[in-house]
């Protein structure tokens, strides 16, 4: 499964991660159970009006899944959980983004990322003796931006408050079919049948950043707390209005240093070591079957700054991802400008 790696938490503020390939697996199935619950519906419930109440809960759960796309986090950016047979559902996430401080004289920090998710809860719908299994195929697209300011608090240390905003949408790409639509009453079908859920989010982050650059080594360390509240907004199908919070605490560490005396493009070839951990809080905690995710990586960095090109550094990384009930790997490509 191919995916795109979000801008890595703690990378150079001129870095952008344009692509990676990632695979992951969950030994338990909390996500699949969640999506199966999202998909569960009963004709009897529509008749007695109970369906409307459950649709609100399901919409909140759908928005909760979107929270993993709106906050910079290299651990969850590589998630790919495959659905099995029967009514099990699948989820894949892909992201790309970057961030930069304008200059030391104008320490305005800007960041942004795009996220895409596809999850496939399977709806079992029936009419009398007839029943069908329908893959809903919900697609989520999010865009998040941030603006902050660097406050120097000590040599090589800055404190960076960031204001964040986000826009997102979830759309269904199926046609249910007249055989069922004509027999179903009440709400709910407008979203399944090419419906849409739009969200708007506001929040902020607080980052403590350490950077030490020298000829012998570069060391980066970032500690970040992020919070965004997502709320459905105009253009949403009438039956699905939801809200959720994205909240987590992350740490990122990286060391880059020359690899022996090897040179390429008239510059030293460097090895890269990195580690990251994200602790999920609030609505995100336990939603996908874990409370935290970890990542350790190793890679090589090619320095092209001696030439008149936009890309000054290119890194190829291999990462191991692991957490409670979850493990996997990722191969990523990142660039500095």
C-alpha atoms as a PDB file:
ATOM      1  CA  UNK A   1       0.000   0.000   0.000  1.00  0.00           C
ATOM      2  CA  UNK A   2       1.541   3.289  -1.037  1.00  0.00           C
ATOM      3  CA  UNK A   3       1.162   6.336   1.160  1.00  0.00           C
ATOM      4  CA  UNK A   4       2.626   9.796   1.503  1.00  0.00           C
ATOM      5  CA  UNK A   5       4.436  10.731   4.672  1.00  0.00           C
ATOM      6  CA  UNK A   6       3.390  13.856   6.497  1.00  0.00           C
ATOM      7  CA  UNK A   7       6.034  16.504   7.253  1.00  0.00           C
ATOM      8  CA  UNK A   8       7.982  14.853   9.996  1.00  0.00           C
ATOM      9  CA  UNK A   9       7.565  16.291  13.464  1.00  0.00           C
ATOM     10  CA  UNK A  10      10.955  17.766  14.286  1.00  0.00           C
ATOM     11  CA  UNK A  11      12.413  18.007  10.808  1.00  0.00           C
ATOM     12  CA  UNK A  12      14.242  21.114   9.649  1.00  0.00           C
ATOM     13  CA  UNK A  13      11.691  23.862   9.319  1.00  0.00           C
ATOM     14  CA  UNK A  14      12.573  23.915   5.616  1.00  0.00           C
ATOM     15  CA  UNK A  15      11.830  20.227   5.169  1.00  0.00           C
ATOM     16  CA  UNK A  16       9.036  18.654   3.225  1.00  0.00           C
ATOM     17  CA  UNK A  17       8.376  14.950   3.019  1.00  0.00           C
ATOM     18  CA  UNK A  18       6.951  14.255  -0.428  1.00  0.00           C
ATOM     19  CA  UNK A  19       6.515  10.521  -0.298  1.00  0.00           C
ATOM     20  CA  UNK A  20       6.861   7.180   1.421  1.00  0.00           C
ATOM     21  CA  UNK A  21       5.652   3.627   1.324  1.00  0.00           C
ATOM     22  CA  UNK A  22       4.279   2.243   4.543  1.00  0.00           C
ATOM     23  CA  UNK A  23       2.647  -0.873   5.931  1.00  0.00           C
ATOM     24  CA  UNK A  24       1.205  -1.501   9.385  1.00  0.00           C
ATOM     25  CA  UNK A  25      -0.869  -4.121  11.152  1.00  0.00           C
ATOM     26  CA  UNK A  26      -3.043  -4.245  14.254  1.00  0.00           C
ATOM     27  CA  UNK A  27      -3.163  -7.517  16.145  1.00  0.00           C
ATOM     28  CA  UNK A  28      -6.553  -6.561  17.559  1.00  0.00           C
ATOM     29  CA  UNK A  29      -9.399  -5.033  15.633  1.00  0.00           C
ATOM     30  CA  UNK A  30     -10.713  -1.997  17.582  1.00  0.00           C
ATOM     31  CA  UNK A  31     -10.696   0.175  14.458  1.00  0.00           C
ATOM     32  CA  UNK A  32     -12.483  -2.469  12.449  1.00  0.00           C
ATOM     33  CA  UNK A  33     -15.071  -2.827  15.196  1.00  0.00           C
ATOM     34  CA  UNK A  34     -15.476   0.957  15.288  1.00  0.00           C
ATOM     35  CA  UNK A  35     -16.052   1.157  11.550  1.00  0.00           C
ATOM     36  CA  UNK A  36     -18.336  -1.848  11.640  1.00  0.00           C
ATOM     37  CA  UNK A  37     -20.363  -0.027  14.300  1.00  0.00           C
ATOM     38  CA  UNK A  38     -20.333   3.074  12.115  1.00  0.00           C
ATOM     39  CA  UNK A  39     -21.716   0.955   9.307  1.00  0.00           C
ATOM     40  CA  UNK A  40     -24.339  -0.930  11.274  1.00  0.00           C
ATOM     41  CA  UNK A  41     -27.892   0.079  10.475  1.00  0.00           C
ATOM     42  CA  UNK A  42     -31.256  -1.593  10.802  1.00  0.00           C
ATOM     43  CA  UNK A  43     -34.512  -1.033   8.912  1.00  0.00           C
ATOM     44  CA  UNK A  44     -36.378  -1.543  12.182  1.00  0.00           C
ATOM     45  CA  UNK A  45     -34.513   1.358  13.740  1.00  0.00           C
ATOM     46  CA  UNK A  46     -35.610   3.646  10.938  1.00  0.00           C
ATOM     47  CA  UNK A  47     -39.204   2.769  11.593  1.00  0.00           C
ATOM     48  CA  UNK A  48     -39.116   3.709  15.267  1.00  0.00           C
ATOM     49  CA  UNK A  49     -36.948   6.825  14.886  1.00  0.00           C
ATOM     50  CA  UNK A  50     -33.968   5.501  16.869  1.00  0.00           C
ATOM     51  CA  UNK A  51     -31.738   5.719  13.807  1.00  0.00           C
ATOM     52  CA  UNK A  52     -31.488   9.516  13.993  1.00  0.00           C
ATOM     53  CA  UNK A  53     -29.941   9.412  17.465  1.00  0.00           C
ATOM     54  CA  UNK A  54     -27.325   6.869  16.425  1.00  0.00           C
ATOM     55  CA  UNK A  55     -26.449   8.808  13.281  1.00  0.00           C
ATOM     56  CA  UNK A  56     -25.247  11.693  15.460  1.00  0.00           C
ATOM     57  CA  UNK A  57     -22.933   9.344  17.348  1.00  0.00           C
ATOM     58  CA  UNK A  58     -21.661   7.861  14.087  1.00  0.00           C
ATOM     59  CA  UNK A  59     -20.958  11.300  12.645  1.00  0.00           C
ATOM     60  CA  UNK A  60     -18.861  12.163  15.704  1.00  0.00           C
ATOM     61  CA  UNK A  61     -16.881   8.948  15.194  1.00  0.00           C
ATOM     62  CA  UNK A  62     -16.294   9.781  11.527  1.00  0.00           C
ATOM     63  CA  UNK A  63     -14.910  13.207  12.474  1.00  0.00           C
ATOM     64  CA  UNK A  64     -12.762  11.557  15.173  1.00  0.00           C
ATOM     65  CA  UNK A  65     -11.010   9.513  12.488  1.00  0.00           C
ATOM     66  CA  UNK A  66     -10.203  12.750  10.646  1.00  0.00           C
ATOM     67  CA  UNK A  67      -8.289  14.047  13.690  1.00  0.00           C
ATOM     68  CA  UNK A  68      -5.338  11.791  12.809  1.00  0.00           C
ATOM     69  CA  UNK A  69      -4.803  13.793   9.593  1.00  0.00           C
ATOM     70  CA  UNK A  70      -4.751  17.351  10.950  1.00  0.00           C
ATOM     71  CA  UNK A  71      -1.817  17.383  13.422  1.00  0.00           C
ATOM     72  CA  UNK A  72       1.863  16.911  12.363  1.00  0.00           C
ATOM     73  CA  UNK A  73       2.781  13.409  13.540  1.00  0.00           C
ATOM     74  CA  UNK A  74       5.079  11.018  11.707  1.00  0.00           C
ATOM     75  CA  UNK A  75       3.881   8.002  13.696  1.00  0.00           C
ATOM     76  CA  UNK A  76       0.249   7.998  12.535  1.00  0.00           C
ATOM     77  CA  UNK A  77       1.043   9.338   9.064  1.00  0.00           C
ATOM     78  CA  UNK A  78       1.992   5.818   7.963  1.00  0.00           C
ATOM     79  CA  UNK A  79      -1.085   3.920   9.150  1.00  0.00           C
ATOM     80  CA  UNK A  80      -2.533   1.337   6.771  1.00  0.00           C
ATOM     81  CA  UNK A  81      -4.914  -1.166   8.358  1.00  0.00           C
ATOM     82  CA  UNK A  82      -6.372  -3.624   5.883  1.00  0.00           C
ATOM     83  CA  UNK A  83      -9.909  -4.931   6.190  1.00  0.00           C
ATOM     84  CA  UNK A  84     -10.545  -8.624   6.051  1.00  0.00           C
ATOM     85  CA  UNK A  85     -13.470 -10.665   4.872  1.00  0.00           C
ATOM     86  CA  UNK A  86     -17.063 -10.299   5.950  1.00  0.00           C
ATOM     87  CA  UNK A  87     -17.994  -7.033   7.614  1.00  0.00           C
ATOM     88  CA  UNK A  88     -14.486  -5.964   8.593  1.00  0.00           C
ATOM     89  CA  UNK A  89     -13.449  -2.508   7.430  1.00  0.00           C
ATOM     90  CA  UNK A  90     -10.144  -1.014   6.339  1.00  0.00           C
ATOM     91  CA  UNK A  91      -8.362   2.298   6.819  1.00  0.00           C
ATOM     92  CA  UNK A  92      -5.411   3.940   5.049  1.00  0.00           C
ATOM     93  CA  UNK A  93      -3.918   7.389   5.685  1.00  0.00           C
ATOM     94  CA  UNK A  94      -1.516   9.498   3.631  1.00  0.00           C
ATOM     95  CA  UNK A  95      -0.153  12.996   4.250  1.00  0.00           C
ATOM     96  CA  UNK A  96       2.293  15.576   2.915  1.00  0.00           C
ATOM     97  CA  UNK A  97       3.365  18.909   4.405  1.00  0.00           C
ATOM     98  CA  UNK A  98       6.101  21.164   5.664  1.00  0.00           C
ATOM     99  CA  UNK A  99       7.021  24.105   7.856  1.00  0.00           C
ATOM    100  CA  UNK A 100       9.538  26.945   7.960  1.00  0.00           C
ATOM    101  CA  UNK A 101      10.680  29.931  10.011  1.00  0.00           C
ATOM    102  CA  UNK A 102      11.090  32.921   7.719  1.00  0.00           C
ATOM    103  CA  UNK A 103      14.368  34.154   9.234  1.00  0.00           C
ATOM    104  CA  UNK A 104      16.075  35.004  12.517  1.00  0.00           C
ATOM    105  CA  UNK A 105      15.238  38.660  11.945  1.00  0.00           C
ATOM    106  CA  UNK A 106      11.567  37.850  11.224  1.00  0.00           C
ATOM    107  CA  UNK A 107      10.906  34.745  13.342  1.00  0.00           C
ATOM    108  CA  UNK A 108       7.452  34.004  11.924  1.00  0.00           C
ATOM    109  CA  UNK A 109       6.845  30.274  11.643  1.00  0.00           C
ATOM    110  CA  UNK A 110       4.507  28.906   8.945  1.00  0.00           C
ATOM    111  CA  UNK A 111       3.383  25.296   8.504  1.00  0.00           C
ATOM    112  CA  UNK A 112       0.865  23.379   6.458  1.00  0.00           C
ATOM    113  CA  UNK A 113      -0.085  19.860   5.482  1.00  0.00           C
ATOM    114  CA  UNK A 114      -2.587  17.922   3.399  1.00  0.00           C
ATOM    115  CA  UNK A 115      -4.041  14.618   4.530  1.00  0.00           C
ATOM    116  CA  UNK A 116      -6.042  11.950   2.750  1.00  0.00           C
ATOM    117  CA  UNK A 117      -7.772   8.946   4.287  1.00  0.00           C
ATOM    118  CA  UNK A 118      -9.916   6.208   2.849  1.00  0.00           C
ATOM    119  CA  UNK A 119     -11.973   3.916   5.041  1.00  0.00           C
ATOM    120  CA  UNK A 120     -14.395   1.291   3.973  1.00  0.00           C
ATOM    121  CA  UNK A 121     -17.075   0.336   6.511  1.00  0.00           C
ATOM    122  CA  UNK A 122     -19.305  -2.352   5.092  1.00  0.00           C
ATOM    123  CA  UNK A 123     -23.054  -1.883   5.479  1.00  0.00           C
ATOM    124  CA  UNK A 124     -25.332  -4.915   5.636  1.00  0.00           C
ATOM    125  CA  UNK A 125     -28.794  -3.828   4.563  1.00  0.00           C
ATOM    126  CA  UNK A 126     -31.816  -6.033   4.182  1.00  0.00           C
ATOM    127  CA  UNK A 127     -35.440  -6.037   3.097  1.00  0.00           C
ATOM    128  CA  UNK A 128     -37.341  -9.127   4.133  1.00  0.00           C
ATOM    129  CA  UNK A 129     -35.461 -12.163   2.883  1.00  0.00           C
ATOM    130  CA  UNK A 130     -33.111 -10.071   0.748  1.00  0.00           C
ATOM    131  CA  UNK A 131     -29.852  -8.619   2.089  1.00  0.00           C
ATOM    132  CA  UNK A 132     -26.718  -7.128   0.571  1.00  0.00           C
ATOM    133  CA  UNK A 133     -23.233  -6.176   1.735  1.00  0.00           C
ATOM    134  CA  UNK A 134     -22.353  -2.621   0.597  1.00  0.00           C
ATOM    135  CA  UNK A 135     -18.819  -1.157   0.925  1.00  0.00           C
ATOM    136  CA  UNK A 136     -19.357   2.521   1.752  1.00  0.00           C
ATOM    137  CA  UNK A 137     -15.884   3.742   0.664  1.00  0.00           C
ATOM    138  CA  UNK A 138     -15.651   7.012   2.579  1.00  0.00           C
ATOM    139  CA  UNK A 139     -12.876   9.378   1.488  1.00  0.00           C
ATOM    140  CA  UNK A 140     -11.467  12.097   3.748  1.00  0.00           C
ATOM    141  CA  UNK A 141      -9.392  15.104   2.641  1.00  0.00           C
ATOM    142  CA  UNK A 142      -7.998  17.673   5.086  1.00  0.00           C
ATOM    143  CA  UNK A 143      -5.874  20.816   4.791  1.00  0.00           C
ATOM    144  CA  UNK A 144      -4.274  22.317   7.895  1.00  0.00           C
ATOM    145  CA  UNK A 145      -2.273  25.516   8.293  1.00  0.00           C
ATOM    146  CA  UNK A 146      -0.469  27.177  11.142  1.00  0.00           C
ATOM    147  CA  UNK A 147       1.249  30.454  11.964  1.00  0.00           C
ATOM    148  CA  UNK A 148       3.518  30.956  14.953  1.00  0.00           C
ATOM    149  CA  UNK A 149       6.332  33.008  16.418  1.00  0.00           C
ATOM    150  CA  UNK A 150       9.762  31.906  17.680  1.00  0.00           C
ATOM    151  CA  UNK A 151      10.748  33.175  21.132  1.00  0.00           C
ATOM    152  CA  UNK A 152      14.405  32.523  21.997  1.00  0.00           C
ATOM    153  CA  UNK A 153      14.510  31.192  25.571  1.00  0.00           C
ATOM    154  CA  UNK A 154      18.127  29.932  25.729  1.00  0.00           C
ATOM    155  CA  UNK A 155      21.039  29.256  23.365  1.00  0.00           C
ATOM    156  CA  UNK A 156      19.754  26.914  20.621  1.00  0.00           C
ATOM    157  CA  UNK A 157      16.281  26.771  22.232  1.00  0.00           C
ATOM    158  CA  UNK A 158      13.075  28.468  21.021  1.00  0.00           C
ATOM    159  CA  UNK A 159       9.530  28.396  22.356  1.00  0.00           C
ATOM    160  CA  UNK A 160       7.010  28.468  19.518  1.00  0.00           C
ATOM    161  CA  UNK A 161       3.267  29.040  20.039  1.00  0.00           C
ATOM    162  CA  UNK A 162       1.292  28.248  16.865  1.00  0.00           C
ATOM    163  CA  UNK A 163      -2.280  29.080  15.874  1.00  0.00           C
ATOM    164  CA  UNK A 164      -3.785  26.313  13.720  1.00  0.00           C
ATOM    165  CA  UNK A 165      -6.817  26.046  11.461  1.00  0.00           C
ATOM    166  CA  UNK A 166      -8.114  23.181   9.379  1.00  0.00           C
ATOM    167  CA  UNK A 167     -10.638  22.414   6.654  1.00  0.00           C
ATOM    168  CA  UNK A 168     -11.763  18.923   5.755  1.00  0.00           C
ATOM    169  CA  UNK A 169     -14.404  16.884   4.002  1.00  0.00           C
ATOM    170  CA  UNK A 170     -15.614  13.295   4.033  1.00  0.00           C
ATOM    171  CA  UNK A 171     -17.504  12.033   0.989  1.00  0.00           C
ATOM    172  CA  UNK A 172     -19.112   8.725   0.083  1.00  0.00           C
ATOM    173  CA  UNK A 173     -18.506   7.465  -3.428  1.00  0.00           C
ATOM    174  CA  UNK A 174     -21.172   4.785  -3.783  1.00  0.00           C
ATOM    175  CA  UNK A 175     -24.634   4.527  -5.202  1.00  0.00           C
ATOM    176  CA  UNK A 176     -26.819   2.436  -2.914  1.00  0.00           C
ATOM    177  CA  UNK A 177     -29.406   1.552  -5.516  1.00  0.00           C
ATOM    178  CA  UNK A 178     -33.102   2.217  -5.941  1.00  0.00           C
ATOM    179  CA  UNK A 179     -34.045  -1.230  -4.657  1.00  0.00           C
ATOM    180  CA  UNK A 180     -33.095  -0.120  -1.128  1.00  0.00           C
ATOM    181  CA  UNK A 181     -33.677   3.649  -1.277  1.00  0.00           C
ATOM    182  CA  UNK A 182     -37.309   3.132  -2.257  1.00  0.00           C
ATOM    183  CA  UNK A 183     -37.882   0.870   0.744  1.00  0.00           C
ATOM    184  CA  UNK A 184     -36.089   2.913   3.416  1.00  0.00           C
ATOM    185  CA  UNK A 185     -37.664   5.804   5.315  1.00  0.00           C
ATOM    186  CA  UNK A 186     -36.109   8.372   7.646  1.00  0.00           C
ATOM    187  CA  UNK A 187     -32.681   9.985   7.499  1.00  0.00           C
ATOM    188  CA  UNK A 188     -29.291   8.491   6.779  1.00  0.00           C
ATOM    189  CA  UNK A 189     -29.264   7.723   3.081  1.00  0.00           C
ATOM    190  CA  UNK A 190     -28.324  11.229   1.969  1.00  0.00           C
ATOM    191  CA  UNK A 191     -24.778  10.716   3.219  1.00  0.00           C
ATOM    192  CA  UNK A 192     -24.333   7.136   2.026  1.00  0.00           C
ATOM    193  CA  UNK A 193     -25.608   7.951  -1.446  1.00  0.00           C
ATOM    194  CA  UNK A 194     -22.891  10.386  -2.616  1.00  0.00           C
ATOM    195  CA  UNK A 195     -23.259  12.483   0.546  1.00  0.00           C
ATOM    196  CA  UNK A 196     -20.684  14.728   2.198  1.00  0.00           C
ATOM    197  CA  UNK A 197     -19.522  15.840   5.650  1.00  0.00           C
ATOM    198  CA  UNK A 198     -17.523  19.091   5.805  1.00  0.00           C
ATOM    199  CA  UNK A 199     -15.560  20.185   8.869  1.00  0.00           C
ATOM    200  CA  UNK A 200     -13.779  23.300  10.084  1.00  0.00           C
ATOM    201  CA  UNK A 201     -11.229  23.264  12.878  1.00  0.00           C
ATOM    202  CA  UNK A 202      -9.539  25.808  15.120  1.00  0.00           C
ATOM    203  CA  UNK A 203      -6.878  25.286  17.754  1.00  0.00           C
ATOM    204  CA  UNK A 204      -3.232  25.722  18.515  1.00  0.00           C
ATOM    205  CA  UNK A 205       0.087  24.138  19.378  1.00  0.00           C
ATOM    206  CA  UNK A 206       2.976  24.869  21.695  1.00  0.00           C
ATOM    207  CA  UNK A 207       6.419  23.672  20.617  1.00  0.00           C
ATOM    208  CA  UNK A 208       9.776  23.683  22.384  1.00  0.00           C
ATOM    209  CA  UNK A 209      12.507  23.363  19.752  1.00  0.00           C
ATOM    210  CA  UNK A 210      16.226  22.670  20.152  1.00  0.00           C
ATOM    211  CA  UNK A 211      18.686  22.929  17.244  1.00  0.00           C
ATOM    212  CA  UNK A 212      22.450  22.494  17.200  1.00  0.00           C
ATOM    213  CA  UNK A 213      24.148  22.696  13.790  1.00  0.00           C
ATOM    214  CA  UNK A 214      27.880  22.140  13.234  1.00  0.00           C
ATOM    215  CA  UNK A 215      30.284  20.584  10.744  1.00  0.00           C
ATOM    216  CA  UNK A 216      30.498  17.396  12.788  1.00  0.00           C
ATOM    217  CA  UNK A 217      26.824  16.844  13.527  1.00  0.00           C
ATOM    218  CA  UNK A 218      23.308  18.334  13.526  1.00  0.00           C
ATOM    219  CA  UNK A 219      20.960  17.638  16.427  1.00  0.00           C
ATOM    220  CA  UNK A 220      17.242  18.440  16.429  1.00  0.00           C
ATOM    221  CA  UNK A 221      14.760  17.921  19.258  1.00  0.00           C
ATOM    222  CA  UNK A 222      11.125  18.984  19.400  1.00  0.00           C
ATOM    223  CA  UNK A 223       8.463  18.689  22.051  1.00  0.00           C
ATOM    224  CA  UNK A 224       4.967  19.599  20.859  1.00  0.00           C
ATOM    225  CA  UNK A 225       1.471  19.742  22.311  1.00  0.00           C
ATOM    226  CA  UNK A 226      -1.359  20.201  19.796  1.00  0.00           C
ATOM    227  CA  UNK A 227      -5.102  20.711  20.107  1.00  0.00           C
ATOM    228  CA  UNK A 228      -7.706  21.307  17.369  1.00  0.00           C
ATOM    229  CA  UNK A 229     -11.481  21.206  17.656  1.00  0.00           C
ATOM    230  CA  UNK A 230     -13.220  19.941  14.502  1.00  0.00           C
ATOM    231  CA  UNK A 231     -16.874  20.778  13.852  1.00  0.00           C
ATOM    232  CA  UNK A 232     -19.107  19.985  10.891  1.00  0.00           C
ATOM    233  CA  UNK A 233     -19.981  23.060   8.859  1.00  0.00           C
ATOM    234  CA  UNK A 234     -22.005  24.227   5.848  1.00  0.00           C
ATOM    235  CA  UNK A 235     -22.418  21.878   2.923  1.00  0.00           C
ATOM    236  CA  UNK A 236     -22.787  18.822   5.155  1.00  0.00           C
ATOM    237  CA  UNK A 237     -25.515  16.274   4.460  1.00  0.00           C
ATOM    238  CA  UNK A 238     -28.442  16.874   6.857  1.00  0.00           C
ATOM    239  CA  UNK A 239     -28.123  13.491   8.581  1.00  0.00           C
ATOM    240  CA  UNK A 240     -24.442  13.747   9.569  1.00  0.00           C
ATOM    241  CA  UNK A 241     -23.330  16.615  11.777  1.00  0.00           C
ATOM    242  CA  UNK A 242     -20.451  15.792  14.082  1.00  0.00           C
ATOM    243  CA  UNK A 243     -17.549  17.120  16.120  1.00  0.00           C
ATOM    244  CA  UNK A 244     -14.328  15.814  17.677  1.00  0.00           C
ATOM    245  CA  UNK A 245     -11.029  17.019  19.138  1.00  0.00           C
ATOM    246  CA  UNK A 246      -7.508  16.308  17.881  1.00  0.00           C
ATOM    247  CA  UNK A 247      -5.183  16.356  20.889  1.00  0.00           C
ATOM    248  CA  UNK A 248      -1.751  14.800  21.327  1.00  0.00           C
ATOM    249  CA  UNK A 249       1.687  15.232  22.828  1.00  0.00           C
ATOM    250  CA  UNK A 250       4.729  14.415  20.672  1.00  0.00           C
ATOM    251  CA  UNK A 251       8.500  14.245  20.920  1.00  0.00           C
ATOM    252  CA  UNK A 252      10.928  14.015  18.008  1.00  0.00           C
ATOM    253  CA  UNK A 253      14.725  13.509  18.092  1.00  0.00           C
ATOM    254  CA  UNK A 254      17.192  13.413  15.187  1.00  0.00           C
ATOM    255  CA  UNK A 255      20.953  13.296  14.707  1.00  0.00           C
ATOM    256  CA  UNK A 256      22.753  13.789  11.392  1.00  0.00           C
ATOM    257  CA  UNK A 257      26.490  13.292  10.987  1.00  0.00           C
ATOM    258  CA  UNK A 258      29.023  12.531   8.186  1.00  0.00           C
ATOM    259  CA  UNK A 259      29.339   8.873   7.214  1.00  0.00           C
ATOM    260  CA  UNK A 260      33.086   8.139   7.472  1.00  0.00           C
ATOM    261  CA  UNK A 261      34.905  10.294   4.905  1.00  0.00           C
ATOM    262  CA  UNK A 262      32.503   9.614   2.047  1.00  0.00           C
ATOM    263  CA  UNK A 263      31.500  12.521  -0.191  1.00  0.00           C
ATOM    264  CA  UNK A 264      28.938  12.946  -2.968  1.00  0.00           C
ATOM    265  CA  UNK A 265      28.241  16.124  -4.967  1.00  0.00           C
ATOM    266  CA  UNK A 266      31.308  17.634  -3.293  1.00  0.00           C
ATOM    267  CA  UNK A 267      29.655  17.427   0.123  1.00  0.00           C
ATOM    268  CA  UNK A 268      29.817  14.838   2.945  1.00  0.00           C
ATOM    269  CA  UNK A 269      27.365  11.953   2.784  1.00  0.00           C
ATOM    270  CA  UNK A 270      25.523  11.823   6.120  1.00  0.00           C
ATOM    271  CA  UNK A 271      23.756   9.141   8.096  1.00  0.00           C
ATOM    272  CA  UNK A 272      20.544  10.031   9.930  1.00  0.00           C
ATOM    273  CA  UNK A 273      19.172   8.584  13.163  1.00  0.00           C
ATOM    274  CA  UNK A 274      15.739   9.558  14.452  1.00  0.00           C
ATOM    275  CA  UNK A 275      13.137   8.622  17.020  1.00  0.00           C
ATOM    276  CA  UNK A 276       9.615   9.810  17.782  1.00  0.00           C
ATOM    277  CA  UNK A 277       6.767   9.116  20.172  1.00  0.00           C
ATOM    278  CA  UNK A 278       3.211  10.437  20.124  1.00  0.00           C
ATOM    279  CA  UNK A 279       0.875  10.183  23.094  1.00  0.00           C
ATOM    280  CA  UNK A 280      -2.775  10.513  22.048  1.00  0.00           C
ATOM    281  CA  UNK A 281      -5.172  12.331  24.352  1.00  0.00           C
ATOM    282  CA  UNK A 282      -8.890  13.081  24.497  1.00  0.00           C
ATOM    283  CA  UNK A 283     -11.021  11.749  21.644  1.00  0.00           C
ATOM    284  CA  UNK A 284      -8.001  10.200  19.913  1.00  0.00           C
ATOM    285  CA  UNK A 285      -6.962   8.068  22.880  1.00  0.00           C
ATOM    286  CA  UNK A 286      -7.648   4.409  22.163  1.00  0.00           C
ATOM    287  CA  UNK A 287      -9.701   5.192  19.054  1.00  0.00           C
ATOM    288  CA  UNK A 288      -7.514   3.033  16.798  1.00  0.00           C
ATOM    289  CA  UNK A 289      -6.611   0.514  19.482  1.00  0.00           C
ATOM    290  CA  UNK A 290      -3.583   2.258  21.013  1.00  0.00           C
ATOM    291  CA  UNK A 291      -2.838   5.206  23.293  1.00  0.00           C
ATOM    292  CA  UNK A 292       0.609   5.945  21.859  1.00  0.00           C
ATOM    293  CA  UNK A 293       2.758   5.187  18.821  1.00  0.00           C
ATOM    294  CA  UNK A 294       6.549   5.073  18.474  1.00  0.00           C
ATOM    295  CA  UNK A 295       8.901   5.367  15.527  1.00  0.00           C
ATOM    296  CA  UNK A 296      12.640   4.725  15.135  1.00  0.00           C
ATOM    297  CA  UNK A 297      14.428   5.363  11.871  1.00  0.00           C
ATOM    298  CA  UNK A 298      17.750   5.214  10.068  1.00  0.00           C
ATOM    299  CA  UNK A 299      18.705   6.695   6.732  1.00  0.00           C
ATOM    300  CA  UNK A 300      21.131   8.507   4.447  1.00  0.00           C
ATOM    301  CA  UNK A 301      21.225  12.187   3.500  1.00  0.00           C
ATOM    302  CA  UNK A 302      22.598  13.635   0.266  1.00  0.00           C
ATOM    303  CA  UNK A 303      23.726  17.285   0.435  1.00  0.00           C
ATOM    304  CA  UNK A 304      23.308  19.233  -2.823  1.00  0.00           C
ATOM    305  CA  UNK A 305      23.772  22.722  -1.324  1.00  0.00           C
ATOM    306  CA  UNK A 306      27.029  23.202  -3.239  1.00  0.00           C
ATOM    307  CA  UNK A 307      25.023  23.509  -6.464  1.00  0.00           C
ATOM    308  CA  UNK A 308      22.475  26.048  -7.681  1.00  0.00           C
ATOM    309  CA  UNK A 309      19.389  23.898  -7.061  1.00  0.00           C
ATOM    310  CA  UNK A 310      16.319  24.414  -4.901  1.00  0.00           C
ATOM    311  CA  UNK A 311      16.691  21.134  -3.041  1.00  0.00           C
ATOM    312  CA  UNK A 312      19.615  21.433  -0.636  1.00  0.00           C
ATOM    313  CA  UNK A 313      19.276  18.059   1.102  1.00  0.00           C
ATOM    314  CA  UNK A 314      17.544  14.776   0.284  1.00  0.00           C
ATOM    315  CA  UNK A 315      17.012  12.005   2.826  1.00  0.00           C
ATOM    316  CA  UNK A 316      15.978   8.389   2.354  1.00  0.00           C
ATOM    317  CA  UNK A 317      14.645   6.907   5.602  1.00  0.00           C
ATOM    318  CA  UNK A 318      13.605   3.480   6.868  1.00  0.00           C
ATOM    319  CA  UNK A 319      11.377   3.513   9.954  1.00  0.00           C
ATOM    320  CA  UNK A 320       9.931   0.942  12.303  1.00  0.00           C
ATOM    321  CA  UNK A 321       6.555   1.881  13.797  1.00  0.00           C
ATOM    322  CA  UNK A 322       5.206   0.180  16.915  1.00  0.00           C
ATOM    323  CA  UNK A 323       2.709   0.609  19.718  1.00  0.00           C
ATOM    324  CA  UNK A 324       0.170  -1.342  21.732  1.00  0.00           C
ATOM    325  CA  UNK A 325      -1.305  -4.024  19.411  1.00  0.00           C
ATOM    326  CA  UNK A 326       0.271  -2.284  16.385  1.00  0.00           C
ATOM    327  CA  UNK A 327       3.501  -2.597  14.415  1.00  0.00           C
ATOM    328  CA  UNK A 328       4.723  -1.829  10.933  1.00  0.00           C
ATOM    329  CA  UNK A 329       7.367  -0.098   8.839  1.00  0.00           C
ATOM    330  CA  UNK A 330       7.771   2.843   6.477  1.00  0.00           C
ATOM    331  CA  UNK A 331      10.166   3.896   3.716  1.00  0.00           C
ATOM    332  CA  UNK A 332      10.194   7.675   3.300  1.00  0.00           C
ATOM    333  CA  UNK A 333      11.789  10.384   1.209  1.00  0.00           C
ATOM    334  CA  UNK A 334      12.246  13.900   2.649  1.00  0.00           C
ATOM    335  CA  UNK A 335      13.752  17.106   1.234  1.00  0.00           C
ATOM    336  CA  UNK A 336      15.123  20.384   2.586  1.00  0.00           C
ATOM    337  CA  UNK A 337      14.915  23.660   0.713  1.00  0.00           C
END
